[in-house]
């Protein structure tokens, strides 16, 4: 990454800290780069709405860019470019540099590729009063009422009894059906509207409409359900029992789009955290460095980073150990001298809801990528809280490469709260800090980000790797 596009006009020296608007700090050349990068990103999030789809899409790109698939036990040497597939739900890319990793450590960027959604239960299909539904269990922190009365697409995989796998994606193309969670009409919703927002729709009411046409040729009592099962069998060769070994999710069928007369914003599903994962992936592809660099794209962050694909899994620690063993380096020394960016989104200041933010320490749209020294809730609970020394190192890197950035915390002290994977990496004795894109309406079916912050985050990761 070059030092390009920053206005070099001499300004009067100031001792005050003032956030910069990204567009006021760049020239037309960088503005064009922002637009081009944003187009690529929009295509990416339209094509990849689940962690499996992100994994498949980026794995193909990595292999086409000269990365070789890695398996535990393979030899690793200087200048190697490897990609490690974590059970088709996570992805790790690494490049081995010429610098001594015991002395200088490894530069790591970690982002997650799962997003809040509506998962389909293992025994989902039922018929009731003229309609057929899927029973669901929501995934991650959502406002349940936001997921009603919008078009939904069905994504996922079904592994049939014989072990064969069927990939499913329905509802993204114009000629495909979408799915729907019904809500109560306002004419009959007086009692509903008096409830607290968290109770307006319960988890067990998030049932998805999947059909309403009976099969009169069958003697089955549940003729609509019978018809749906027949369609699924004809199209996918599956029977009802195959739902038991499936992973199916309902996600918004909306396409990501430019927002605003000036095309400066992007609305879309799943910015959290693909808006950081994509720049992390692109930055390791595009950056030449003497450092050993790693990009980890992990699963399950939205439900606590659990399981063998989440950041708590030993698989990521094992991979670091494999690298050290192959290079004959002491893993404890390597971890102690490494640095990591936990690449996750933060809450952007929302002018419609100013009371929950402390504006001086809030992330502003289009003021660049955002550093969160700490996350957590209220008294910094569950936060790794990066050291002042680490913050200073990152400041120096960003200044060297003219990265426009800002700092923030997640809402007012007694109101805000949220966590990332940072604490799990920090627990390995690796200096870790949260940096990512500010988002409005986080965890909603349609979130909002600034193109400027997206590109600034890509620049920040390139600078960090370099």
Protein backbone atom coordinates (compact mmCIF):
# COMPACT_ATOMS: atom_id res chain seq x y z
CA UNK A 1 0.00 0.00 0.00
CA UNK A 2 1.39 3.40 -0.99
CA UNK A 3 1.15 6.73 0.79
CA UNK A 4 -1.25 8.12 -1.76
CA UNK A 5 -4.26 10.33 -1.81
CA UNK A 6 -3.80 12.39 1.33
CA UNK A 7 -3.89 16.15 1.02
CA UNK A 8 -0.50 17.52 1.92
CA UNK A 9 -1.58 21.10 2.51
CA UNK A 10 0.30 22.65 5.41
CA UNK A 11 -1.97 23.45 8.29
CA UNK A 12 -1.44 25.52 11.39
CA UNK A 13 -0.18 23.34 14.20
CA UNK A 14 -2.89 22.42 16.67
CA UNK A 15 -2.61 20.79 20.06
CA UNK A 16 -6.26 19.65 20.01
CA UNK A 17 -7.60 16.29 18.87
CA UNK A 18 -10.25 16.60 16.18
CA UNK A 19 -11.71 13.74 14.19
CA UNK A 20 -11.19 14.04 10.43
CA UNK A 21 -13.83 13.36 7.83
CA UNK A 22 -12.28 10.86 5.45
CA UNK A 23 -13.46 12.66 2.32
CA UNK A 24 -11.84 15.92 3.44
CA UNK A 25 -8.48 14.16 3.82
CA UNK A 26 -8.25 12.41 0.45
CA UNK A 27 -7.97 13.33 -3.22
CA UNK A 28 -9.96 12.20 -6.27
CA UNK A 29 -7.66 9.25 -6.93
CA UNK A 30 -8.46 7.68 -3.57
CA UNK A 31 -12.14 8.57 -3.97
CA UNK A 32 -12.20 6.38 -7.09
CA UNK A 33 -10.47 3.58 -5.17
CA UNK A 34 -13.17 3.85 -2.49
CA UNK A 35 -15.92 3.46 -5.09
CA UNK A 36 -14.26 0.50 -6.80
CA UNK A 37 -13.58 -1.30 -3.51
CA UNK A 38 -17.18 -0.71 -2.42
CA UNK A 39 -18.53 -2.27 -5.63
CA UNK A 40 -16.45 -5.39 -4.99
CA UNK A 41 -17.68 -5.50 -1.39
CA UNK A 42 -21.34 -5.15 -2.39
CA UNK A 43 -20.98 -8.07 -4.79
CA UNK A 44 -19.34 -10.09 -2.02
CA UNK A 45 -22.05 -9.57 0.59
CA UNK A 46 -24.79 -10.21 -1.96
CA UNK A 47 -23.21 -13.55 -2.86
CA UNK A 48 -22.21 -14.60 0.68
CA UNK A 49 -24.86 -14.46 3.40
CA UNK A 50 -23.69 -17.31 5.64
CA UNK A 51 -20.34 -18.36 7.04
CA UNK A 52 -20.28 -21.42 4.75
CA UNK A 53 -20.79 -19.23 1.68
CA UNK A 54 -18.08 -16.79 2.81
CA UNK A 55 -15.73 -19.72 3.37
CA UNK A 56 -16.33 -21.20 -0.08
CA UNK A 57 -16.14 -17.87 -1.92
CA UNK A 58 -12.93 -16.66 -0.27
CA UNK A 59 -11.23 -20.07 -0.35
CA UNK A 60 -11.59 -20.12 -4.15
CA UNK A 61 -10.19 -16.59 -4.37
CA UNK A 62 -7.22 -17.45 -2.14
CA UNK A 63 -6.35 -20.52 -4.23
CA UNK A 64 -6.60 -18.48 -7.42
CA UNK A 65 -4.13 -15.98 -5.92
CA UNK A 66 -1.44 -18.57 -5.33
CA UNK A 67 -2.28 -19.79 -1.82
CA UNK A 68 -1.91 -23.52 -1.22
CA UNK A 69 -4.23 -25.51 1.03
CA UNK A 70 -2.66 -26.39 4.35
CA UNK A 71 -3.28 -29.43 6.54
CA UNK A 72 -1.84 -30.06 9.99
CA UNK A 73 1.57 -31.68 9.65
CA UNK A 74 2.44 -30.05 6.33
CA UNK A 75 5.85 -28.41 6.11
CA UNK A 76 5.95 -24.61 6.45
CA UNK A 77 8.83 -22.43 5.28
CA UNK A 78 9.69 -18.79 4.62
CA UNK A 79 7.70 -17.22 1.74
CA UNK A 80 4.96 -19.85 1.94
CA UNK A 81 1.38 -18.66 1.32
CA UNK A 82 -1.10 -21.08 2.85
CA UNK A 83 -4.85 -21.27 3.45
CA UNK A 84 -6.37 -23.50 6.14
CA UNK A 85 -10.03 -24.53 5.90
CA UNK A 86 -11.73 -24.79 9.32
CA UNK A 87 -14.55 -27.28 8.73
CA UNK A 88 -16.00 -25.19 5.87
CA UNK A 89 -17.04 -22.48 8.36
CA UNK A 90 -13.77 -20.69 9.05
CA UNK A 91 -10.71 -19.79 7.04
CA UNK A 92 -7.11 -18.90 7.95
CA UNK A 93 -4.66 -17.39 5.47
CA UNK A 94 -1.01 -16.95 6.38
CA UNK A 95 2.17 -15.76 4.70
CA UNK A 96 5.55 -16.56 6.21
CA UNK A 97 7.86 -13.54 6.14
CA UNK A 98 11.62 -13.27 6.38
CA UNK A 99 11.64 -11.61 9.82
CA UNK A 100 12.38 -13.65 12.94
CA UNK A 101 8.99 -14.35 14.52
CA UNK A 102 10.55 -14.94 17.94
CA UNK A 103 11.90 -11.40 17.90
CA UNK A 104 9.20 -9.56 15.96
CA UNK A 105 6.17 -11.80 16.42
CA UNK A 106 3.32 -12.31 13.98
CA UNK A 107 0.83 -9.72 12.73
CA UNK A 108 -2.69 -11.16 13.05
CA UNK A 109 -6.07 -9.81 11.94
CA UNK A 110 -9.15 -11.73 13.11
CA UNK A 111 -12.71 -11.12 11.89
CA UNK A 112 -15.83 -13.23 12.19
CA UNK A 113 -17.99 -14.33 9.27
CA UNK A 114 -21.22 -15.36 11.02
CA UNK A 115 -24.12 -12.91 11.36
CA UNK A 116 -27.42 -12.82 13.30
CA UNK A 117 -30.10 -14.81 11.51
CA UNK A 118 -33.06 -17.16 11.94
CA UNK A 119 -32.04 -20.83 12.09
CA UNK A 120 -34.43 -23.64 11.16
CA UNK A 121 -35.12 -26.21 13.89
CA UNK A 122 -34.22 -29.89 13.39
CA UNK A 123 -37.88 -30.96 13.22
CA UNK A 124 -39.26 -27.81 11.60
CA UNK A 125 -42.10 -28.59 9.23
CA UNK A 126 -45.72 -28.36 10.37
CA UNK A 127 -49.14 -27.47 8.97
CA UNK A 128 -51.67 -25.25 10.69
CA UNK A 129 -54.91 -23.64 9.53
CA UNK A 130 -54.25 -23.42 5.83
CA UNK A 131 -50.51 -22.73 5.88
CA UNK A 132 -47.30 -24.70 6.24
CA UNK A 133 -44.47 -23.36 8.43
CA UNK A 134 -40.91 -23.95 9.57
CA UNK A 135 -40.26 -23.74 13.29
CA UNK A 136 -37.13 -21.67 14.05
CA UNK A 137 -34.56 -20.73 16.66
CA UNK A 138 -32.95 -17.33 16.21
CA UNK A 139 -29.14 -17.06 16.17
CA UNK A 140 -27.38 -14.16 17.87
CA UNK A 141 -28.71 -10.97 19.41
CA UNK A 142 -31.65 -9.64 17.42
CA UNK A 143 -34.74 -7.49 17.89
CA UNK A 144 -37.21 -10.20 16.99
CA UNK A 145 -39.92 -7.87 15.71
CA UNK A 146 -37.54 -6.58 13.00
CA UNK A 147 -37.57 -9.99 11.31
CA UNK A 148 -41.31 -10.13 10.65
CA UNK A 149 -43.03 -9.04 7.44
CA UNK A 150 -39.86 -8.94 5.34
CA UNK A 151 -38.79 -11.24 2.47
CA UNK A 152 -36.46 -14.02 3.63
CA UNK A 153 -34.18 -16.34 1.70
CA UNK A 154 -33.28 -19.85 2.78
CA UNK A 155 -29.58 -20.78 2.81
CA UNK A 156 -27.68 -23.77 4.09
CA UNK A 157 -26.85 -27.40 3.68
CA UNK A 158 -28.67 -30.72 4.07
CA UNK A 159 -26.62 -33.85 4.64
CA UNK A 160 -28.84 -36.79 3.75
CA UNK A 161 -28.90 -40.16 5.46
CA UNK A 162 -26.56 -41.63 2.84
CA UNK A 163 -24.00 -38.90 3.53
CA UNK A 164 -24.55 -36.95 0.33
CA UNK A 165 -24.69 -33.18 0.76
CA UNK A 166 -27.12 -30.72 -0.82
CA UNK A 167 -26.41 -26.99 -0.84
CA UNK A 168 -29.54 -24.87 -0.62
CA UNK A 169 -30.08 -21.24 -1.63
CA UNK A 170 -33.64 -20.15 -2.36
CA UNK A 171 -34.98 -16.63 -2.54
CA UNK A 172 -32.07 -14.62 -3.94
CA UNK A 173 -33.02 -14.77 -7.64
CA UNK A 174 -35.96 -12.82 -9.03
CA UNK A 175 -37.73 -15.96 -10.26
CA UNK A 176 -37.39 -17.78 -6.92
CA UNK A 177 -39.89 -17.70 -4.05
CA UNK A 178 -39.06 -15.97 -0.78
CA UNK A 179 -40.22 -16.85 2.72
CA UNK A 180 -42.04 -14.85 5.35
CA UNK A 181 -42.68 -14.45 9.09
CA UNK A 182 -46.13 -12.97 9.60
CA UNK A 183 -47.01 -10.19 12.03
CA UNK A 184 -50.32 -9.01 13.44
CA UNK A 185 -52.16 -6.27 11.54
CA UNK A 186 -52.47 -2.93 13.41
CA UNK A 187 -56.29 -3.14 13.31
CA UNK A 188 -56.12 -6.13 15.68
CA UNK A 189 -52.84 -5.30 17.39
CA UNK A 190 -53.97 -3.05 20.24
CA UNK A 191 -52.91 -5.45 22.99
CA UNK A 192 -49.70 -6.35 21.16
CA UNK A 193 -48.68 -2.69 20.83
CA UNK A 194 -48.96 -2.22 24.58
CA UNK A 195 -46.26 -4.80 25.24
CA UNK A 196 -42.56 -4.05 25.62
CA UNK A 197 -40.63 -4.26 22.37
CA UNK A 198 -38.80 -7.44 23.45
CA UNK A 199 -42.17 -9.17 23.98
CA UNK A 200 -44.03 -8.01 20.87
CA UNK A 201 -42.86 -11.15 19.07
CA UNK A 202 -41.66 -14.19 21.01
CA UNK A 203 -38.99 -16.60 19.82
CA UNK A 204 -41.57 -19.34 19.29
CA UNK A 205 -43.64 -17.00 17.09
CA UNK A 206 -40.85 -16.64 14.54
CA UNK A 207 -42.40 -19.32 12.37
CA UNK A 208 -41.65 -19.07 8.66
CA UNK A 209 -44.36 -19.50 6.03
CA UNK A 210 -43.18 -22.04 3.46
CA UNK A 211 -46.36 -22.90 1.59
CA UNK A 212 -50.15 -22.99 1.43
CA UNK A 213 -51.20 -25.32 -1.40
CA UNK A 214 -52.63 -28.75 -0.57
CA UNK A 215 -51.97 -31.89 -2.53
CA UNK A 216 -55.41 -33.35 -3.20
CA UNK A 217 -53.94 -36.48 -4.73
CA UNK A 218 -52.72 -37.64 -1.32
CA UNK A 219 -54.80 -39.19 1.42
CA UNK A 220 -52.53 -37.62 4.02
CA UNK A 221 -54.38 -35.58 6.64
CA UNK A 222 -51.81 -32.76 6.37
CA UNK A 223 -52.10 -32.17 2.63
CA UNK A 224 -50.12 -28.91 2.50
CA UNK A 225 -47.20 -30.41 4.43
CA UNK A 226 -47.37 -33.46 2.19
CA UNK A 227 -47.13 -31.22 -0.88
CA UNK A 228 -44.10 -29.36 0.53
CA UNK A 229 -42.32 -32.64 1.28
CA UNK A 230 -43.04 -33.83 -2.26
CA UNK A 231 -41.52 -30.62 -3.70
CA UNK A 232 -38.42 -30.99 -1.50
CA UNK A 233 -38.02 -34.61 -2.56
CA UNK A 234 -38.37 -33.81 -6.26
CA UNK A 235 -35.96 -30.86 -6.11
CA UNK A 236 -33.38 -32.05 -3.57
CA UNK A 237 -34.00 -35.77 -3.13
CA UNK A 238 -34.60 -35.27 0.60
CA UNK A 239 -37.19 -36.66 3.01
CA UNK A 240 -38.44 -35.11 6.23
CA UNK A 241 -35.94 -37.07 8.34
CA UNK A 242 -33.08 -35.35 6.48
CA UNK A 243 -33.88 -32.11 8.33
CA UNK A 244 -32.29 -33.79 11.36
CA UNK A 245 -28.85 -33.46 9.75
CA UNK A 246 -29.29 -30.06 8.16
CA UNK A 247 -28.07 -26.53 8.81
CA UNK A 248 -30.60 -24.17 7.28
CA UNK A 249 -30.98 -20.47 7.98
CA UNK A 250 -33.39 -17.74 6.95
CA UNK A 251 -31.64 -14.49 6.05
CA UNK A 252 -33.01 -11.27 4.56
CA UNK A 253 -33.57 -11.56 0.81
CA UNK A 254 -32.68 -7.87 0.37
CA UNK A 255 -29.75 -6.97 -1.85
CA UNK A 256 -27.05 -4.63 -0.60
CA UNK A 257 -27.48 -1.22 -2.22
CA UNK A 258 -25.98 2.24 -2.34
CA UNK A 259 -27.77 4.58 0.06
CA UNK A 260 -28.19 8.35 -0.33
CA UNK A 261 -28.25 10.84 -3.20
CA UNK A 262 -24.45 10.93 -3.05
CA UNK A 263 -23.98 7.14 -3.07
CA UNK A 264 -21.77 7.48 0.02
CA UNK A 265 -23.37 4.74 2.15
CA UNK A 266 -24.11 1.04 1.79
CA UNK A 267 -27.19 -0.67 3.18
CA UNK A 268 -27.13 -4.42 3.49
CA UNK A 269 -27.55 -7.53 5.60
CA UNK A 270 -24.61 -8.82 7.63
CA UNK A 271 -22.19 -5.89 7.60
CA UNK A 272 -21.44 -7.26 11.08
CA UNK A 273 -18.88 -8.61 10.49
CA UNK A 274 -18.34 -9.17 6.78
CA UNK A 275 -17.55 -5.45 6.45
CA UNK A 276 -14.37 -6.20 8.41
CA UNK A 277 -13.79 -9.73 7.12
CA UNK A 278 -13.62 -8.65 3.49
CA UNK A 279 -11.02 -5.88 4.04
CA UNK A 280 -9.02 -8.29 6.24
CA UNK A 281 -9.00 -10.89 3.47
CA UNK A 282 -8.16 -8.37 0.74
CA UNK A 283 -5.40 -6.76 2.78
CA UNK A 284 -3.45 -10.00 3.25
CA UNK A 285 -3.75 -10.70 -0.49
CA UNK A 286 -2.63 -7.20 -1.48
CA UNK A 287 0.19 -6.54 1.01
CA UNK A 288 3.83 -7.55 0.67
CA UNK A 289 5.57 -7.67 4.04
CA UNK A 290 8.66 -8.98 5.78
CA UNK A 291 6.41 -9.83 8.74
CA UNK A 292 4.72 -13.19 9.06
CA UNK A 293 1.04 -12.27 8.72
CA UNK A 294 -2.17 -14.16 9.42
CA UNK A 295 -5.79 -13.44 8.56
CA UNK A 296 -8.26 -15.50 10.61
CA UNK A 297 -11.92 -15.55 9.56
CA UNK A 298 -13.82 -17.30 12.33
CA UNK A 299 -17.31 -18.56 13.10
CA UNK A 300 -19.73 -18.41 16.05
CA UNK A 301 -18.80 -14.94 17.39
CA UNK A 302 -22.47 -13.97 17.58
CA UNK A 303 -23.16 -16.75 20.09
CA UNK A 304 -20.03 -16.45 22.22
CA UNK A 305 -17.31 -17.88 19.94
CA UNK A 306 -18.15 -21.41 21.07
CA UNK A 307 -17.62 -24.75 19.33
CA UNK A 308 -14.81 -26.09 17.19
CA UNK A 309 -15.11 -23.30 14.60
CA UNK A 310 -15.39 -20.37 17.04
CA UNK A 311 -12.44 -18.37 18.38
CA UNK A 312 -12.43 -20.39 21.62
CA UNK A 313 -11.54 -23.50 19.64
CA UNK A 314 -8.02 -24.89 20.07
CA UNK A 315 -7.72 -25.12 16.28
CA UNK A 316 -6.46 -21.55 15.96
CA UNK A 317 -3.94 -21.95 18.78
CA UNK A 318 -2.88 -25.28 17.26
CA UNK A 319 -2.21 -23.58 13.94
CA UNK A 320 0.06 -20.99 15.58
CA UNK A 321 1.90 -23.85 17.27
CA UNK A 322 2.29 -25.70 13.93
CA UNK A 323 3.84 -22.60 12.35
CA UNK A 324 6.29 -22.24 15.24
CA UNK A 325 7.23 -25.92 15.19
CA UNK A 326 7.89 -25.88 11.44
CA UNK A 327 10.08 -22.79 11.76
CA UNK A 328 11.76 -24.15 14.91
CA UNK A 329 10.62 -21.19 17.00
CA UNK A 330 9.50 -20.97 20.63
CA UNK A 331 5.73 -20.42 20.57
CA UNK A 332 5.72 -18.59 23.93
CA UNK A 333 8.21 -16.03 22.64
CA UNK A 334 6.31 -15.69 19.37
CA UNK A 335 2.98 -15.05 21.10
CA UNK A 336 4.53 -12.59 23.54
CA UNK A 337 5.89 -10.48 20.66
CA UNK A 338 2.89 -10.73 18.35
CA UNK A 339 0.15 -8.16 17.73
CA UNK A 340 -3.45 -8.76 16.75
CA UNK A 341 -6.29 -6.63 15.44
CA UNK A 342 -9.68 -7.97 16.42
CA UNK A 343 -11.48 -6.73 13.32
CA UNK A 344 -15.04 -6.14 14.40
CA UNK A 345 -17.64 -3.46 13.89
CA UNK A 346 -18.60 -0.80 16.41
CA UNK A 347 -21.72 1.28 16.94
CA UNK A 348 -21.80 4.48 14.87
CA UNK A 349 -23.35 7.57 16.41
CA UNK A 350 -27.02 7.67 15.41
CA UNK A 351 -28.51 11.17 15.26
CA UNK A 352 -32.02 9.70 15.65
CA UNK A 353 -31.06 8.14 19.01
CA UNK A 354 -28.42 10.47 20.50
CA UNK A 355 -29.31 9.80 24.15
CA UNK A 356 -27.54 6.42 24.28
CA UNK A 357 -24.20 7.79 23.08
CA UNK A 358 -21.56 9.90 24.77
CA UNK A 359 -20.85 11.92 21.64
CA UNK A 360 -17.26 12.87 22.44
CA UNK A 361 -16.34 9.17 22.52
CA UNK A 362 -18.68 7.90 19.79
CA UNK A 363 -17.73 6.68 16.32
CA UNK A 364 -18.90 9.00 13.56
CA UNK A 365 -19.73 7.81 10.06
CA UNK A 366 -17.12 8.65 7.39
CA UNK A 367 -14.45 9.56 9.93
CA UNK A 368 -12.47 6.44 9.17
CA UNK A 369 -11.91 3.06 10.73
CA UNK A 370 -12.56 3.00 14.46
CA UNK A 371 -10.31 1.82 17.29
CA UNK A 372 -12.00 0.55 20.46
CA UNK A 373 -9.38 0.36 23.20
CA UNK A 374 -11.89 -1.66 25.19
CA UNK A 375 -15.31 -3.16 24.64
CA UNK A 376 -17.31 -5.04 27.28
CA UNK A 377 -20.28 -3.76 29.25
CA UNK A 378 -20.62 -1.11 31.89
CA UNK A 379 -17.53 -1.47 34.10
CA UNK A 380 -15.53 -2.82 31.12
CA UNK A 381 -16.76 -6.32 31.97
CA UNK A 382 -15.58 -9.00 29.50
CA UNK A 383 -13.11 -6.65 27.81
CA UNK A 384 -9.41 -7.24 27.19
CA UNK A 385 -8.74 -3.43 27.36
CA UNK A 386 -5.68 -2.88 25.16
CA UNK A 387 -2.61 -1.27 26.73
CA UNK A 388 -1.54 2.31 26.12
CA UNK A 389 1.69 0.97 24.63
CA UNK A 390 -0.22 -1.05 22.01
CA UNK A 391 -2.43 1.92 21.14
CA UNK A 392 0.67 4.03 20.62
CA UNK A 393 2.19 1.42 18.29
CA UNK A 394 -0.98 1.32 16.20
CA UNK A 395 -1.10 5.14 16.12
CA UNK A 396 2.45 5.19 14.79
CA UNK A 397 1.62 2.66 12.07
CA UNK A 398 -1.47 4.57 10.99
CA UNK A 399 0.39 7.87 10.93
CA UNK A 400 3.19 6.37 8.84
CA UNK A 401 0.73 5.19 6.18
CA UNK A 402 -1.70 8.14 6.41
CA UNK A 403 -4.65 6.08 7.65
CA UNK A 404 -7.69 8.16 8.60
CA UNK A 405 -8.99 6.70 11.84
CA UNK A 406 -10.90 7.51 15.00
CA UNK A 407 -11.50 6.10 18.44
CA UNK A 408 -14.73 5.31 20.28
CA UNK A 409 -16.51 3.27 22.90
CA UNK A 410 -19.78 1.39 22.60
CA UNK A 411 -22.39 3.80 23.97
CA UNK A 412 -22.79 5.46 27.34
CA UNK A 413 -21.09 3.82 30.31
CA UNK A 414 -24.22 2.47 32.01
CA UNK A 415 -26.11 1.76 28.80
CA UNK A 416 -23.64 0.34 26.30
CA UNK A 417 -22.20 -3.10 26.03
CA UNK A 418 -20.89 -5.65 23.61
CA UNK A 419 -18.05 -8.07 23.12
CA UNK A 420 -15.70 -9.33 20.42
CA UNK A 421 -13.12 -12.10 20.04
CA UNK A 422 -10.36 -9.80 21.37
CA UNK A 423 -10.30 -11.25 24.87
CA UNK A 424 -9.78 -14.82 23.62
CA UNK A 425 -6.73 -13.80 21.61
CA UNK A 426 -5.41 -11.62 24.41
CA UNK A 427 -5.67 -14.64 26.73
CA UNK A 428 -2.93 -16.26 24.59
CA UNK A 429 -0.56 -13.47 25.69
CA UNK A 430 -0.94 -11.63 22.39
CA UNK A 431 -1.35 -7.83 22.35
CA UNK A 432 -4.83 -7.31 20.91
CA UNK A 433 -7.02 -4.34 20.06
CA UNK A 434 -10.42 -3.89 18.39
CA UNK A 435 -10.49 -1.96 15.12
CA UNK A 436 -13.30 -1.93 12.59
CA UNK A 437 -16.12 -0.21 10.75
CA UNK A 438 -18.81 1.87 12.51
CA UNK A 439 -22.33 0.56 11.79
CA UNK A 440 -25.79 2.06 12.19
CA UNK A 441 -28.67 -0.32 13.05
CA UNK A 442 -26.29 -3.14 13.96
CA UNK A 443 -27.90 -6.61 14.05
CA UNK A 444 -30.95 -5.38 12.12
CA UNK A 445 -31.89 -7.20 8.91
CA UNK A 446 -30.55 -4.17 7.00
CA UNK A 447 -27.55 -2.33 8.42
CA UNK A 448 -25.86 0.89 7.27
CA UNK A 449 -22.17 1.73 6.82
CA UNK A 450 -20.06 4.40 5.11
CA UNK A 451 -17.98 3.52 2.07
CA UNK A 452 -15.25 5.76 3.48
CA UNK A 453 -15.01 3.72 6.67
CA UNK A 454 -14.96 0.46 4.69
CA UNK A 455 -11.99 1.60 2.61
CA UNK A 456 -10.23 3.20 5.57
CA UNK A 457 -10.44 -0.15 7.35
CA UNK A 458 -8.84 -1.88 4.36
CA UNK A 459 -6.04 0.74 4.43
CA UNK A 460 -5.61 0.22 8.18
CA UNK A 461 -5.19 -3.56 7.82
CA UNK A 462 -2.75 -3.14 4.93
CA UNK A 463 -0.70 -0.75 7.03
CA UNK A 464 -0.75 -3.12 10.00
CA UNK A 465 0.43 -6.06 7.89
CA UNK A 466 3.07 -3.95 6.14
